[in-house]
Amino acid sequence: MSDPRFETALVRHVAPEGLLVSLREIQGRGMIDLRGFASDRKFMAAAKTAFGVDLPKAPRSNAAWGDIRILWLSIDQWLVIAPHAKVRDLIAAFEKAANGIHGFAADVSDMRSVIRIEGEERAWC
């Protein structure tokens, strides 16, 4: 039995020639859906132990440490963005730190793609 291979939906996409803008996928990004209560000090401490930074607590805020970025999604949900190769280890670190605490971390790397849009600067009328 072989291991599953991570591949995004856009990996085989090639933009047509002659476009004024180009799209390209930024590959290698992993994403973790993190759930828990911001009011639970033990949960917040476990998250900081696992990810190295305090979780953001305000709408439209984020926090970063090294190559890890954490986005606030709702009062009990965060999106952790990190190199795909680190996702399993980060989830394991959270599960170890959160042993017995109400919380949840899941690999959702295949749910989204990060797209970069590039083009020439032109004035549009």
PDB file of N, CA and C in Angstrom:
ATOM      1  N   MET A   1       0.838  -1.173   0.000  1.00  0.00           N
ATOM      2  CA  MET A   1       0.000   0.000   0.000  1.00  0.00           C
ATOM      3  C   MET A   1       0.886   1.241   0.000  1.00  0.00           C
ATOM      4  N   SER A   2       0.560   2.195  -0.826  1.00  0.00           N
ATOM      5  CA  SER A   2       1.372   3.411  -0.895  1.00  0.00           C
ATOM      6  C   SER A   2       0.762   4.508  -0.038  1.00  0.00           C
ATOM      7  N   ASP A   3       1.594   5.455   0.334  1.00  0.00           N
ATOM      8  CA  ASP A   3       1.119   6.597   1.103  1.00  0.00           C
ATOM      9  C   ASP A   3       0.351   7.541   0.184  1.00  0.00           C
ATOM     10  N   PRO A   4      -0.671   8.210   0.719  1.00  0.00           N
ATOM     11  CA  PRO A   4      -1.391   9.175  -0.114  1.00  0.00           C
ATOM     12  C   PRO A   4      -0.463  10.329  -0.492  1.00  0.00           C
ATOM     13  N   ARG A   5      -0.660  10.847  -1.665  1.00  0.00           N
ATOM     14  CA  ARG A   5       0.163  11.948  -2.152  1.00  0.00           C
ATOM     15  C   ARG A   5      -0.635  13.240  -2.081  1.00  0.00           C
ATOM     16  N   PHE A   6      -0.071  14.261  -1.465  1.00  0.00           N
ATOM     17  CA  PHE A   6      -0.733  15.555  -1.376  1.00  0.00           C
ATOM     18  C   PHE A   6      -0.600  16.270  -2.702  1.00  0.00           C
ATOM     19  N   GLU A   7      -1.729  16.658  -3.278  1.00  0.00           N
ATOM     20  CA  GLU A   7      -1.726  17.375  -4.540  1.00  0.00           C
ATOM     21  C   GLU A   7      -2.941  18.285  -4.577  1.00  0.00           C
ATOM     22  N   THR A   8      -2.727  19.552  -4.854  1.00  0.00           N
ATOM     23  CA  THR A   8      -3.840  20.485  -4.903  1.00  0.00           C
ATOM     24  C   THR A   8      -4.546  20.409  -6.243  1.00  0.00           C
ATOM     25  N   ALA A   9      -5.715  21.010  -6.306  1.00  0.00           N
ATOM     26  CA  ALA A   9      -6.515  20.976  -7.528  1.00  0.00           C
ATOM     27  C   ALA A   9      -5.875  21.763  -8.669  1.00  0.00           C
ATOM     28  N   LEU A  10      -5.001  22.692  -8.354  1.00  0.00           N
ATOM     29  CA  LEU A  10      -4.416  23.552  -9.384  1.00  0.00           C
ATOM     30  C   LEU A  10      -3.036  23.107  -9.842  1.00  0.00           C
ATOM     31  N   VAL A  11      -2.524  22.012  -9.327  1.00  0.00           N
ATOM     32  CA  VAL A  11      -1.154  21.614  -9.605  1.00  0.00           C
ATOM     33  C   VAL A  11      -0.893  21.411 -11.103  1.00  0.00           C
ATOM     34  N   ARG A  12      -1.870  21.019 -11.863  1.00  0.00           N
ATOM     35  CA  ARG A  12      -1.682  20.778 -13.293  1.00  0.00           C
ATOM     36  C   ARG A  12      -2.189  21.943 -14.157  1.00  0.00           C
ATOM     37  N   HIS A  13      -2.609  23.032 -13.523  1.00  0.00           N
ATOM     38  CA  HIS A  13      -3.141  24.178 -14.261  1.00  0.00           C
ATOM     39  C   HIS A  13      -2.013  24.946 -14.934  1.00  0.00           C
ATOM     40  N   VAL A  14      -2.206  25.255 -16.201  1.00  0.00           N
ATOM     41  CA  VAL A  14      -1.256  26.075 -16.943  1.00  0.00           C
ATOM     42  C   VAL A  14      -2.051  27.236 -17.533  1.00  0.00           C
ATOM     43  N   ALA A  15      -1.631  28.452 -17.251  1.00  0.00           N
ATOM     44  CA  ALA A  15      -2.334  29.634 -17.762  1.00  0.00           C
ATOM     45  C   ALA A  15      -2.096  29.776 -19.259  1.00  0.00           C
ATOM     46  N   PRO A  16      -3.118  30.157 -20.008  1.00  0.00           N
ATOM     47  CA  PRO A  16      -2.949  30.364 -21.448  1.00  0.00           C
ATOM     48  C   PRO A  16      -2.006  31.536 -21.742  1.00  0.00           C
ATOM     49  N   GLU A  17      -1.344  31.496 -22.885  1.00  0.00           N
ATOM     50  CA  GLU A  17      -0.433  32.563 -23.296  1.00  0.00           C
ATOM     51  C   GLU A  17      -1.236  33.809 -23.650  1.00  0.00           C
ATOM     52  N   GLY A  18      -0.617  34.979 -23.478  1.00  0.00           N
ATOM     53  CA  GLY A  18      -1.227  36.224 -23.907  1.00  0.00           C
ATOM     54  C   GLY A  18      -2.114  36.900 -22.878  1.00  0.00           C
ATOM     55  N   LEU A  19      -2.215  36.364 -21.691  1.00  0.00           N
ATOM     56  CA  LEU A  19      -3.022  37.002 -20.662  1.00  0.00           C
ATOM     57  C   LEU A  19      -2.296  38.227 -20.110  1.00  0.00           C
ATOM     58  N   LEU A  20      -3.059  39.232 -19.702  1.00  0.00           N
ATOM     59  CA  LEU A  20      -2.451  40.406 -19.080  1.00  0.00           C
ATOM     60  C   LEU A  20      -2.059  40.126 -17.638  1.00  0.00           C
ATOM     61  N   VAL A  21      -2.690  39.140 -17.048  1.00  0.00           N
ATOM     62  CA  VAL A  21      -2.333  38.719 -15.700  1.00  0.00           C
ATOM     63  C   VAL A  21      -2.034  37.235 -15.737  1.00  0.00           C
ATOM     64  N   SER A  22      -1.257  36.800 -14.786  1.00  0.00           N
ATOM     65  CA  SER A  22      -1.004  35.368 -14.685  1.00  0.00           C
ATOM     66  C   SER A  22      -1.358  34.913 -13.277  1.00  0.00           C
ATOM     67  N   LEU A  23      -1.789  33.704 -13.203  1.00  0.00           N
ATOM     68  CA  LEU A  23      -2.118  33.079 -11.936  1.00  0.00           C
ATOM     69  C   LEU A  23      -1.128  31.958 -11.697  1.00  0.00           C
ATOM     70  N   ARG A  24      -0.656  31.878 -10.464  1.00  0.00           N
ATOM     71  CA  ARG A  24       0.155  30.715 -10.131  1.00  0.00           C
ATOM     72  C   ARG A  24      -0.127  30.340  -8.695  1.00  0.00           C
ATOM     73  N   GLU A  25      -0.114  29.064  -8.477  1.00  0.00           N
ATOM     74  CA  GLU A  25      -0.365  28.548  -7.145  1.00  0.00           C
ATOM     75  C   GLU A  25       0.925  28.574  -6.341  1.00  0.00           C
ATOM     76  N   ILE A  26       0.824  29.021  -5.104  1.00  0.00           N
ATOM     77  CA  ILE A  26       1.954  28.937  -4.194  1.00  0.00           C
ATOM     78  C   ILE A  26       1.834  27.584  -3.503  1.00  0.00           C
ATOM     79  N   GLN A  27       2.714  26.687  -3.846  1.00  0.00           N
ATOM     80  CA  GLN A  27       2.618  25.315  -3.361  1.00  0.00           C
ATOM     81  C   GLN A  27       3.388  25.121  -2.062  1.00  0.00           C
ATOM     82  N   GLY A  28       3.105  24.018  -1.416  1.00  0.00           N
ATOM     83  CA  GLY A  28       3.832  23.649  -0.212  1.00  0.00           C
ATOM     84  C   GLY A  28       3.260  24.234   1.063  1.00  0.00           C
ATOM     85  N   ARG A  29       2.107  24.882   0.977  1.00  0.00           N
ATOM     86  CA  ARG A  29       1.478  25.446   2.163  1.00  0.00           C
ATOM     87  C   ARG A  29       0.577  24.400   2.795  1.00  0.00           C
ATOM     88  N   GLY A  30       0.707  24.239   4.079  1.00  0.00           N
ATOM     89  CA  GLY A  30      -0.171  23.361   4.836  1.00  0.00           C
ATOM     90  C   GLY A  30      -1.106  24.203   5.687  1.00  0.00           C
ATOM     91  N   MET A  31      -2.265  23.654   6.007  1.00  0.00           N
ATOM     92  CA  MET A  31      -3.253  24.388   6.797  1.00  0.00           C
ATOM     93  C   MET A  31      -3.872  23.469   7.842  1.00  0.00           C
ATOM     94  N   ILE A  32      -4.032  24.024   9.036  1.00  0.00           N
ATOM     95  CA  ILE A  32      -4.621  23.293  10.150  1.00  0.00           C
ATOM     96  C   ILE A  32      -5.832  24.060  10.644  1.00  0.00           C
ATOM     97  N   ASP A  33      -6.962  23.374  10.737  1.00  0.00           N
ATOM     98  CA  ASP A  33      -8.164  23.946  11.356  1.00  0.00           C
ATOM     99  C   ASP A  33      -8.041  23.678  12.849  1.00  0.00           C
ATOM    100  N   LEU A  34      -7.982  24.736  13.633  1.00  0.00           N
ATOM    101  CA  LEU A  34      -7.826  24.627  15.076  1.00  0.00           C
ATOM    102  C   LEU A  34      -9.086  25.140  15.749  1.00  0.00           C
ATOM    103  N   ARG A  35      -9.658  24.319  16.623  1.00  0.00           N
ATOM    104  CA  ARG A  35     -10.886  24.698  17.341  1.00  0.00           C
ATOM    105  C   ARG A  35     -10.675  24.587  18.837  1.00  0.00           C
ATOM    106  N   GLY A  36     -11.248  25.519  19.560  1.00  0.00           N
ATOM    107  CA  GLY A  36     -11.187  25.525  21.016  1.00  0.00           C
ATOM    108  C   GLY A  36     -11.746  26.830  21.536  1.00  0.00           C
ATOM    109  N   PHE A  37     -11.739  26.986  22.828  1.00  0.00           N
ATOM    110  CA  PHE A  37     -12.294  28.191  23.442  1.00  0.00           C
ATOM    111  C   PHE A  37     -11.174  29.140  23.846  1.00  0.00           C
ATOM    112  N   ALA A  38     -11.230  30.367  23.340  1.00  0.00           N
ATOM    113  CA  ALA A  38     -10.230  31.370  23.693  1.00  0.00           C
ATOM    114  C   ALA A  38     -10.283  31.700  25.181  1.00  0.00           C
ATOM    115  N   SER A  39     -11.410  31.455  25.806  1.00  0.00           N
ATOM    116  CA  SER A  39     -11.545  31.722  27.242  1.00  0.00           C
ATOM    117  C   SER A  39     -10.902  30.635  28.108  1.00  0.00           C
ATOM    118  N   ASP A  40     -10.527  29.525  27.498  1.00  0.00           N
ATOM    119  CA  ASP A  40      -9.898  28.412  28.219  1.00  0.00           C
ATOM    120  C   ASP A  40      -8.386  28.627  28.243  1.00  0.00           C
ATOM    121  N   ARG A  41      -7.863  29.031  29.377  1.00  0.00           N
ATOM    122  CA  ARG A  41      -6.432  29.326  29.492  1.00  0.00           C
ATOM    123  C   ARG A  41      -5.564  28.110  29.175  1.00  0.00           C
ATOM    124  N   LYS A  42      -6.037  26.919  29.536  1.00  0.00           N
ATOM    125  CA  LYS A  42      -5.255  25.706  29.245  1.00  0.00           C
ATOM    126  C   LYS A  42      -5.185  25.454  27.740  1.00  0.00           C
ATOM    127  N   PHE A  43      -6.293  25.667  27.042  1.00  0.00           N
ATOM    128  CA  PHE A  43      -6.304  25.510  25.586  1.00  0.00           C
ATOM    129  C   PHE A  43      -5.342  26.515  24.944  1.00  0.00           C
ATOM    130  N   MET A  44      -5.425  27.767  25.366  1.00  0.00           N
ATOM    131  CA  MET A  44      -4.568  28.806  24.796  1.00  0.00           C
ATOM    132  C   MET A  44      -3.088  28.511  25.064  1.00  0.00           C
ATOM    133  N   ALA A  45      -2.789  28.003  26.262  1.00  0.00           N
ATOM    134  CA  ALA A  45      -1.405  27.649  26.593  1.00  0.00           C
ATOM    135  C   ALA A  45      -0.927  26.472  25.753  1.00  0.00           C
ATOM    136  N   ALA A  46      -1.791  25.480  25.534  1.00  0.00           N
ATOM    137  CA  ALA A  46      -1.428  24.328  24.705  1.00  0.00           C
ATOM    138  C   ALA A  46      -1.147  24.766  23.275  1.00  0.00           C
ATOM    139  N   ALA A  47      -1.970  25.675  22.747  1.00  0.00           N
ATOM    140  CA  ALA A  47      -1.759  26.176  21.388  1.00  0.00           C
ATOM    141  C   ALA A  47      -0.432  26.925  21.291  1.00  0.00           C
ATOM    142  N   LYS A  48      -0.127  27.741  22.293  1.00  0.00           N
ATOM    143  CA  LYS A  48       1.142  28.482  22.272  1.00  0.00           C
ATOM    144  C   LYS A  48       2.326  27.527  22.351  1.00  0.00           C
ATOM    145  N   THR A  49       2.208  26.479  23.168  1.00  0.00           N
ATOM    146  CA  THR A  49       3.271  25.480  23.262  1.00  0.00           C
ATOM    147  C   THR A  49       3.501  24.810  21.906  1.00  0.00           C
ATOM    148  N   ALA A  50       2.417  24.460  21.215  1.00  0.00           N
ATOM    149  CA  ALA A  50       2.528  23.742  19.945  1.00  0.00           C
ATOM    150  C   ALA A  50       2.982  24.627  18.793  1.00  0.00           C
ATOM    151  N   PHE A  51       2.464  25.853  18.735  1.00  0.00           N
ATOM    152  CA  PHE A  51       2.699  26.705  17.566  1.00  0.00           C
ATOM    153  C   PHE A  51       3.698  27.835  17.814  1.00  0.00           C
ATOM    154  N   GLY A  52       4.076  28.045  19.071  1.00  0.00           N
ATOM    155  CA  GLY A  52       5.103  29.020  19.379  1.00  0.00           C
ATOM    156  C   GLY A  52       4.642  30.457  19.497  1.00  0.00           C
ATOM    157  N   VAL A  53       3.348  30.696  19.419  1.00  0.00           N
ATOM    158  CA  VAL A  53       2.830  32.070  19.456  1.00  0.00           C
ATOM    159  C   VAL A  53       1.433  32.060  20.067  1.00  0.00           C
ATOM    160  N   ASP A  54       1.067  33.147  20.725  1.00  0.00           N
ATOM    161  CA  ASP A  54      -0.296  33.271  21.249  1.00  0.00           C
ATOM    162  C   ASP A  54      -1.293  33.340  20.100  1.00  0.00           C
ATOM    163  N   LEU A  55      -2.433  32.668  20.262  1.00  0.00           N
ATOM    164  CA  LEU A  55      -3.478  32.751  19.247  1.00  0.00           C
ATOM    165  C   LEU A  55      -4.072  34.148  19.238  1.00  0.00           C
ATOM    166  N   PRO A  56      -4.347  34.704  18.051  1.00  0.00           N
ATOM    167  CA  PRO A  56      -5.007  36.004  17.999  1.00  0.00           C
ATOM    168  C   PRO A  56      -6.439  35.879  18.520  1.00  0.00           C
ATOM    169  N   LYS A  57      -6.927  36.915  19.195  1.00  0.00           N
ATOM    170  CA  LYS A  57      -8.261  36.854  19.800  1.00  0.00           C
ATOM    171  C   LYS A  57      -9.235  37.855  19.212  1.00  0.00           C
ATOM    172  N   ALA A  58      -8.808  38.672  18.283  1.00  0.00           N
ATOM    173  CA  ALA A  58      -9.677  39.704  17.723  1.00  0.00           C
ATOM    174  C   ALA A  58     -10.034  39.386  16.273  1.00  0.00           C
ATOM    175  N   PRO A  59     -11.227  39.791  15.843  1.00  0.00           N
ATOM    176  CA  PRO A  59     -11.615  39.586  14.445  1.00  0.00           C
ATOM    177  C   PRO A  59     -10.601  40.195  13.478  1.00  0.00           C
ATOM    178  N   ARG A  60     -10.386  39.521  12.369  1.00  0.00           N
ATOM    179  CA  ARG A  60      -9.478  39.950  11.300  1.00  0.00           C
ATOM    180  C   ARG A  60      -8.053  40.175  11.782  1.00  0.00           C
ATOM    181  N   SER A  61      -7.624  39.395  12.757  1.00  0.00           N
ATOM    182  CA  SER A  61      -6.253  39.526  13.257  1.00  0.00           C
ATOM    183  C   SER A  61      -5.486  38.242  12.977  1.00  0.00           C
ATOM    184  N   ASN A  62      -4.163  38.345  13.114  1.00  0.00           N
ATOM    185  CA  ASN A  62      -3.321  37.178  12.893  1.00  0.00           C
ATOM    186  C   ASN A  62      -2.088  37.289  13.770  1.00  0.00           C
ATOM    187  N   ALA A  63      -1.379  36.200  13.876  1.00  0.00           N
ATOM    188  CA  ALA A  63      -0.128  36.148  14.631  1.00  0.00           C
ATOM    189  C   ALA A  63       0.842  35.280  13.845  1.00  0.00           C
ATOM    190  N   ALA A  64       2.126  35.534  14.021  1.00  0.00           N
ATOM    191  CA  ALA A  64       3.118  34.756  13.277  1.00  0.00           C
ATOM    192  C   ALA A  64       4.344  34.514  14.139  1.00  0.00           C
ATOM    193  N   TRP A  65       4.977  33.388  13.863  1.00  0.00           N
ATOM    194  CA  TRP A  65       6.255  33.041  14.472  1.00  0.00           C
ATOM    195  C   TRP A  65       6.996  32.183  13.473  1.00  0.00           C
ATOM    196  N   GLY A  66       8.112  32.684  12.976  1.00  0.00           N
ATOM    197  CA  GLY A  66       8.859  31.943  11.963  1.00  0.00           C
ATOM    198  C   GLY A  66       8.017  31.747  10.716  1.00  0.00           C
ATOM    199  N   ASP A  67       7.900  30.508  10.272  1.00  0.00           N
ATOM    200  CA  ASP A  67       7.127  30.217   9.070  1.00  0.00           C
ATOM    201  C   ASP A  67       5.696  29.764   9.383  1.00  0.00           C
ATOM    202  N   ILE A  68       5.243  30.055  10.594  1.00  0.00           N
ATOM    203  CA  ILE A  68       3.879  29.708  11.000  1.00  0.00           C
ATOM    204  C   ILE A  68       3.074  30.990  11.130  1.00  0.00           C
ATOM    205  N   ARG A  69       1.898  31.012  10.510  1.00  0.00           N
ATOM    206  CA  ARG A  69       0.983  32.148  10.622  1.00  0.00           C
ATOM    207  C   ARG A  69      -0.364  31.610  11.083  1.00  0.00           C
ATOM    208  N   ILE A  70      -0.982  32.311  12.024  1.00  0.00           N
ATOM    209  CA  ILE A  70      -2.274  31.883  12.552  1.00  0.00           C
ATOM    210  C   ILE A  70      -3.288  32.997  12.323  1.00  0.00           C
ATOM    211  N   LEU A  71      -4.383  32.653  11.665  1.00  0.00           N
ATOM    212  CA  LEU A  71      -5.443  33.607  11.356  1.00  0.00           C
ATOM    213  C   LEU A  71      -6.651  33.357  12.251  1.00  0.00           C
ATOM    214  N   TRP A  72      -7.214  34.417  12.810  1.00  0.00           N
ATOM    215  CA  TRP A  72      -8.456  34.317  13.589  1.00  0.00           C
ATOM    216  C   TRP A  72      -9.595  34.150  12.593  1.00  0.00           C
ATOM    217  N   LEU A  73     -10.417  33.106  12.763  1.00  0.00           N
ATOM    218  CA  LEU A  73     -11.571  32.904  11.886  1.00  0.00           C
ATOM    219  C   LEU A  73     -12.887  33.175  12.603  1.00  0.00           C
ATOM    220  N   SER A  74     -12.974  32.798  13.868  1.00  0.00           N
ATOM    221  CA  SER A  74     -14.176  33.052  14.660  1.00  0.00           C
ATOM    222  C   SER A  74     -13.799  32.928  16.132  1.00  0.00           C
ATOM    223  N   ILE A  75     -14.772  33.073  16.998  1.00  0.00           N
ATOM    224  CA  ILE A  75     -14.466  33.077  18.433  1.00  0.00           C
ATOM    225  C   ILE A  75     -13.883  31.758  18.924  1.00  0.00           C
ATOM    226  N   ASP A  76     -14.055  30.693  18.152  1.00  0.00           N
ATOM    227  CA  ASP A  76     -13.517  29.395  18.577  1.00  0.00           C
ATOM    228  C   ASP A  76     -12.781  28.660  17.455  1.00  0.00           C
ATOM    229  N   GLN A  77     -12.300  29.415  16.448  1.00  0.00           N
ATOM    230  CA  GLN A  77     -11.668  28.767  15.299  1.00  0.00           C
ATOM    231  C   GLN A  77     -10.521  29.615  14.758  1.00  0.00           C
ATOM    232  N   TRP A  78      -9.408  28.930  14.438  1.00  0.00           N
ATOM    233  CA  TRP A  78      -8.232  29.567  13.862  1.00  0.00           C
ATOM    234  C   TRP A  78      -7.757  28.723  12.686  1.00  0.00           C
ATOM    235  N   LEU A  79      -7.090  29.369  11.745  1.00  0.00           N
ATOM    236  CA  LEU A  79      -6.451  28.671  10.639  1.00  0.00           C
ATOM    237  C   LEU A  79      -4.953  28.846  10.806  1.00  0.00           C
ATOM    238  N   VAL A  80      -4.258  27.728  10.972  1.00  0.00           N
ATOM    239  CA  VAL A  80      -2.804  27.730  11.122  1.00  0.00           C
ATOM    240  C   VAL A  80      -2.213  27.414   9.748  1.00  0.00           C
ATOM    241  N   ILE A  81      -1.375  28.303   9.246  1.00  0.00           N
ATOM    242  CA  ILE A  81      -0.726  28.115   7.951  1.00  0.00           C
ATOM    243  C   ILE A  81       0.764  27.900   8.206  1.00  0.00           C
ATOM    244  N   ALA A  82       1.281  26.815   7.656  1.00  0.00           N
ATOM    245  CA  ALA A  82       2.683  26.445   7.865  1.00  0.00           C
ATOM    246  C   ALA A  82       3.143  25.624   6.665  1.00  0.00           C
ATOM    247  N   PRO A  83       4.439  25.395   6.527  1.00  0.00           N
ATOM    248  CA  PRO A  83       4.893  24.503   5.464  1.00  0.00           C
ATOM    249  C   PRO A  83       4.191  23.144   5.578  1.00  0.00           C
ATOM    250  N   HIS A  84       3.777  22.612   4.445  1.00  0.00           N
ATOM    251  CA  HIS A  84       3.030  21.355   4.454  1.00  0.00           C
ATOM    252  C   HIS A  84       3.792  20.242   5.168  1.00  0.00           C
ATOM    253  N   ALA A  85       5.095  20.235   5.053  1.00  0.00           N
ATOM    254  CA  ALA A  85       5.915  19.188   5.675  1.00  0.00           C
ATOM    255  C   ALA A  85       5.848  19.226   7.204  1.00  0.00           C
ATOM    256  N   LYS A  86       5.436  20.340   7.790  1.00  0.00           N
ATOM    257  CA  LYS A  86       5.373  20.465   9.246  1.00  0.00           C
ATOM    258  C   LYS A  86       3.996  20.172   9.840  1.00  0.00           C
ATOM    259  N   VAL A  87       2.979  20.039   9.021  1.00  0.00           N
ATOM    260  CA  VAL A  87       1.602  19.944   9.522  1.00  0.00           C
ATOM    261  C   VAL A  87       1.410  18.778  10.486  1.00  0.00           C
ATOM    262  N   ARG A  88       1.852  17.592  10.111  1.00  0.00           N
ATOM    263  CA  ARG A  88       1.672  16.431  10.994  1.00  0.00           C
ATOM    264  C   ARG A  88       2.346  16.636  12.347  1.00  0.00           C
ATOM    265  N   ASP A  89       3.571  17.165  12.328  1.00  0.00           N
ATOM    266  CA  ASP A  89       4.298  17.390  13.579  1.00  0.00           C
ATOM    267  C   ASP A  89       3.618  18.455  14.435  1.00  0.00           C
ATOM    268  N   LEU A  90       3.090  19.500  13.806  1.00  0.00           N
ATOM    269  CA  LEU A  90       2.396  20.544  14.558  1.00  0.00           C
ATOM    270  C   LEU A  90       1.119  20.010  15.203  1.00  0.00           C
ATOM    271  N   ILE A  91       0.368  19.202  14.470  1.00  0.00           N
ATOM    272  CA  ILE A  91      -0.851  18.612  15.034  1.00  0.00           C
ATOM    273  C   ILE A  91      -0.488  17.693  16.196  1.00  0.00           C
ATOM    274  N   ALA A  92       0.549  16.888  16.018  1.00  0.00           N
ATOM    275  CA  ALA A  92       0.981  15.993  17.100  1.00  0.00           C
ATOM    276  C   ALA A  92       1.426  16.789  18.321  1.00  0.00           C
ATOM    277  N   ALA A  93       2.134  17.902  18.103  1.00  0.00           N
ATOM    278  CA  ALA A  93       2.574  18.743  19.223  1.00  0.00           C
ATOM    279  C   ALA A  93       1.378  19.349  19.943  1.00  0.00           C
ATOM    280  N   PHE A  94       0.366  19.773  19.188  1.00  0.00           N
ATOM    281  CA  PHE A  94      -0.834  20.326  19.822  1.00  0.00           C
ATOM    282  C   PHE A  94      -1.564  19.244  20.611  1.00  0.00           C
ATOM    283  N   GLU A  95      -1.742  18.074  20.008  1.00  0.00           N
ATOM    284  CA  GLU A  95      -2.449  16.993  20.697  1.00  0.00           C
ATOM    285  C   GLU A  95      -1.730  16.594  21.986  1.00  0.00           C
ATOM    286  N   LYS A  96      -0.419  16.589  21.970  1.00  0.00           N
ATOM    287  CA  LYS A  96       0.351  16.264  23.170  1.00  0.00           C
ATOM    288  C   LYS A  96       0.163  17.351  24.229  1.00  0.00           C
ATOM    289  N   ALA A  97       0.264  18.616  23.828  1.00  0.00           N
ATOM    290  CA  ALA A  97       0.132  19.725  24.773  1.00  0.00           C
ATOM    291  C   ALA A  97      -1.303  19.860  25.288  1.00  0.00           C
ATOM    292  N   ALA A  98      -2.274  19.471  24.467  1.00  0.00           N
ATOM    293  CA  ALA A  98      -3.680  19.636  24.833  1.00  0.00           C
ATOM    294  C   ALA A  98      -4.294  18.368  25.415  1.00  0.00           C
ATOM    295  N   ASN A  99      -3.490  17.436  25.839  1.00  0.00           N
ATOM    296  CA  ASN A  99      -3.982  16.174  26.385  1.00  0.00           C
ATOM    297  C   ASN A  99      -5.004  16.428  27.497  1.00  0.00           C
ATOM    298  N   GLY A 100      -6.236  15.974  27.275  1.00  0.00           N
ATOM    299  CA  GLY A 100      -7.290  16.130  28.270  1.00  0.00           C
ATOM    300  C   GLY A 100      -8.012  17.468  28.212  1.00  0.00           C
ATOM    301  N   ILE A 101      -7.634  18.327  27.284  1.00  0.00           N
ATOM    302  CA  ILE A 101      -8.258  19.651  27.145  1.00  0.00           C
ATOM    303  C   ILE A 101      -9.204  19.616  25.944  1.00  0.00           C
ATOM    304  N   HIS A 102     -10.324  20.327  26.063  1.00  0.00           N
ATOM    305  CA  HIS A 102     -11.263  20.418  24.949  1.00  0.00           C
ATOM    306  C   HIS A 102     -10.623  21.239  23.830  1.00  0.00           C
ATOM    307  N   GLY A 103     -10.357  20.603  22.700  1.00  0.00           N
ATOM    308  CA  GLY A 103      -9.759  21.268  21.560  1.00  0.00           C
ATOM    309  C   GLY A 103      -9.654  20.294  20.404  1.00  0.00           C
ATOM    310  N   PHE A 104      -9.404  20.814  19.218  1.00  0.00           N
ATOM    311  CA  PHE A 104      -9.399  19.997  18.017  1.00  0.00           C
ATOM    312  C   PHE A 104      -8.456  20.614  16.996  1.00  0.00           C
ATOM    313  N   ALA A 105      -7.656  19.794  16.341  1.00  0.00           N
ATOM    314  CA  ALA A 105      -6.791  20.240  15.251  1.00  0.00           C
ATOM    315  C   ALA A 105      -6.875  19.218  14.126  1.00  0.00           C
ATOM    316  N   ALA A 106      -7.105  19.691  12.904  1.00  0.00           N
ATOM    317  CA  ALA A 106      -7.227  18.793  11.754  1.00  0.00           C
ATOM    318  C   ALA A 106      -6.479  19.373  10.560  1.00  0.00           C
ATOM    319  N   ASP A 107      -5.850  18.494   9.798  1.00  0.00           N
ATOM    320  CA  ASP A 107      -5.160  18.886   8.573  1.00  0.00           C
ATOM    321  C   ASP A 107      -6.202  19.184   7.505  1.00  0.00           C
ATOM    322  N   VAL A 108      -6.271  20.433   7.074  1.00  0.00           N
ATOM    323  CA  VAL A 108      -7.215  20.832   6.027  1.00  0.00           C
ATOM    324  C   VAL A 108      -6.461  21.414   4.830  1.00  0.00           C
ATOM    325  N   SER A 109      -5.239  20.957   4.633  1.00  0.00           N
ATOM    326  CA  SER A 109      -4.389  21.489   3.566  1.00  0.00           C
ATOM    327  C   SER A 109      -5.008  21.341   2.186  1.00  0.00           C
ATOM    328  N   ASP A 110      -5.850  20.334   2.002  1.00  0.00           N
ATOM    329  CA  ASP A 110      -6.441  20.110   0.685  1.00  0.00           C
ATOM    330  C   ASP A 110      -7.727  20.897   0.468  1.00  0.00           C
ATOM    331  N   MET A 111      -8.125  21.743   1.428  1.00  0.00           N
ATOM    332  CA  MET A 111      -9.377  22.499   1.297  1.00  0.00           C
ATOM    333  C   MET A 111      -9.216  23.809   0.532  1.00  0.00           C
ATOM    334  N   ARG A 112      -8.018  24.363   0.516  1.00  0.00           N
ATOM    335  CA  ARG A 112      -7.819  25.677  -0.081  1.00  0.00           C
ATOM    336  C   ARG A 112      -6.521  25.685  -0.891  1.00  0.00           C
ATOM    337  N   SER A 113      -6.445  26.637  -1.802  1.00  0.00           N
ATOM    338  CA  SER A 113      -5.204  26.889  -2.529  1.00  0.00           C
ATOM    339  C   SER A 113      -4.836  28.348  -2.325  1.00  0.00           C
ATOM    340  N   VAL A 114      -3.546  28.630  -2.324  1.00  0.00           N
ATOM    341  CA  VAL A 114      -3.067  29.997  -2.237  1.00  0.00           C
ATOM    342  C   VAL A 114      -2.627  30.386  -3.642  1.00  0.00           C
ATOM    343  N   ILE A 115      -3.228  31.447  -4.162  1.00  0.00           N
ATOM    344  CA  ILE A 115      -2.984  31.849  -5.546  1.00  0.00           C
ATOM    345  C   ILE A 115      -2.334  33.227  -5.575  1.00  0.00           C
ATOM    346  N   ARG A 116      -1.314  33.358  -6.388  1.00  0.00           N
ATOM    347  CA  ARG A 116      -0.662  34.653  -6.602  1.00  0.00           C
ATOM    348  C   ARG A 116      -1.074  35.166  -7.974  1.00  0.00           C
ATOM    349  N   ILE A 117      -1.539  36.403  -8.020  1.00  0.00           N
ATOM    350  CA  ILE A 117      -1.934  37.039  -9.277  1.00  0.00           C
ATOM    351  C   ILE A 117      -0.865  38.068  -9.605  1.00  0.00           C
ATOM    352  N   GLU A 118      -0.296  37.957 -10.789  1.00  0.00           N
ATOM    353  CA  GLU A 118       0.757  38.863 -11.223  1.00  0.00           C
ATOM    354  C   GLU A 118       0.408  39.440 -12.590  1.00  0.00           C
ATOM    355  N   GLY A 119       0.873  40.647 -12.837  1.00  0.00           N
ATOM    356  CA  GLY A 119       0.639  41.262 -14.148  1.00  0.00           C
ATOM    357  C   GLY A 119       1.378  42.577 -14.268  1.00  0.00           C
ATOM    358  N   GLU A 120       1.296  43.143 -15.445  1.00  0.00           N
ATOM    359  CA  GLU A 120       1.925  44.423 -15.689  1.00  0.00           C
ATOM    360  C   GLU A 120       1.036  45.530 -15.145  1.00  0.00           C
ATOM    361  N   GLU A 121       1.678  46.625 -14.729  1.00  0.00           N
ATOM    362  CA  GLU A 121       0.903  47.784 -14.300  1.00  0.00           C
ATOM    363  C   GLU A 121       0.401  48.495 -15.546  1.00  0.00           C
ATOM    364  N   ARG A 122      -0.897  48.622 -15.645  1.00  0.00           N
ATOM    365  CA  ARG A 122      -1.492  49.338 -16.774  1.00  0.00           C
ATOM    366  C   ARG A 122      -2.679  50.118 -16.273  1.00  0.00           C
ATOM    367  N   ALA A 123      -2.920  51.225 -16.885  1.00  0.00           N
ATOM    368  CA  ALA A 123      -4.099  52.016 -16.552  1.00  0.00           C
ATOM    369  C   ALA A 123      -5.284  51.455 -17.312  1.00  0.00           C
ATOM    370  N   TRP A 124      -6.360  51.243 -16.611  1.00  0.00           N
ATOM    371  CA  TRP A 124      -7.566  50.710 -17.239  1.00  0.00           C
ATOM    372  C   TRP A 124      -8.598  51.821 -17.343  1.00  0.00           C
ATOM    373  N   CYS A 125      -9.213  51.953 -18.494  1.00  0.00           N
ATOM    374  CA  CYS A 125     -10.227  53.000 -18.714  1.00  0.00           C
ATOM    375  C   CYS A 125     -11.612  52.417 -18.703  1.00  0.00           C
TER     376      CYS A 125
END
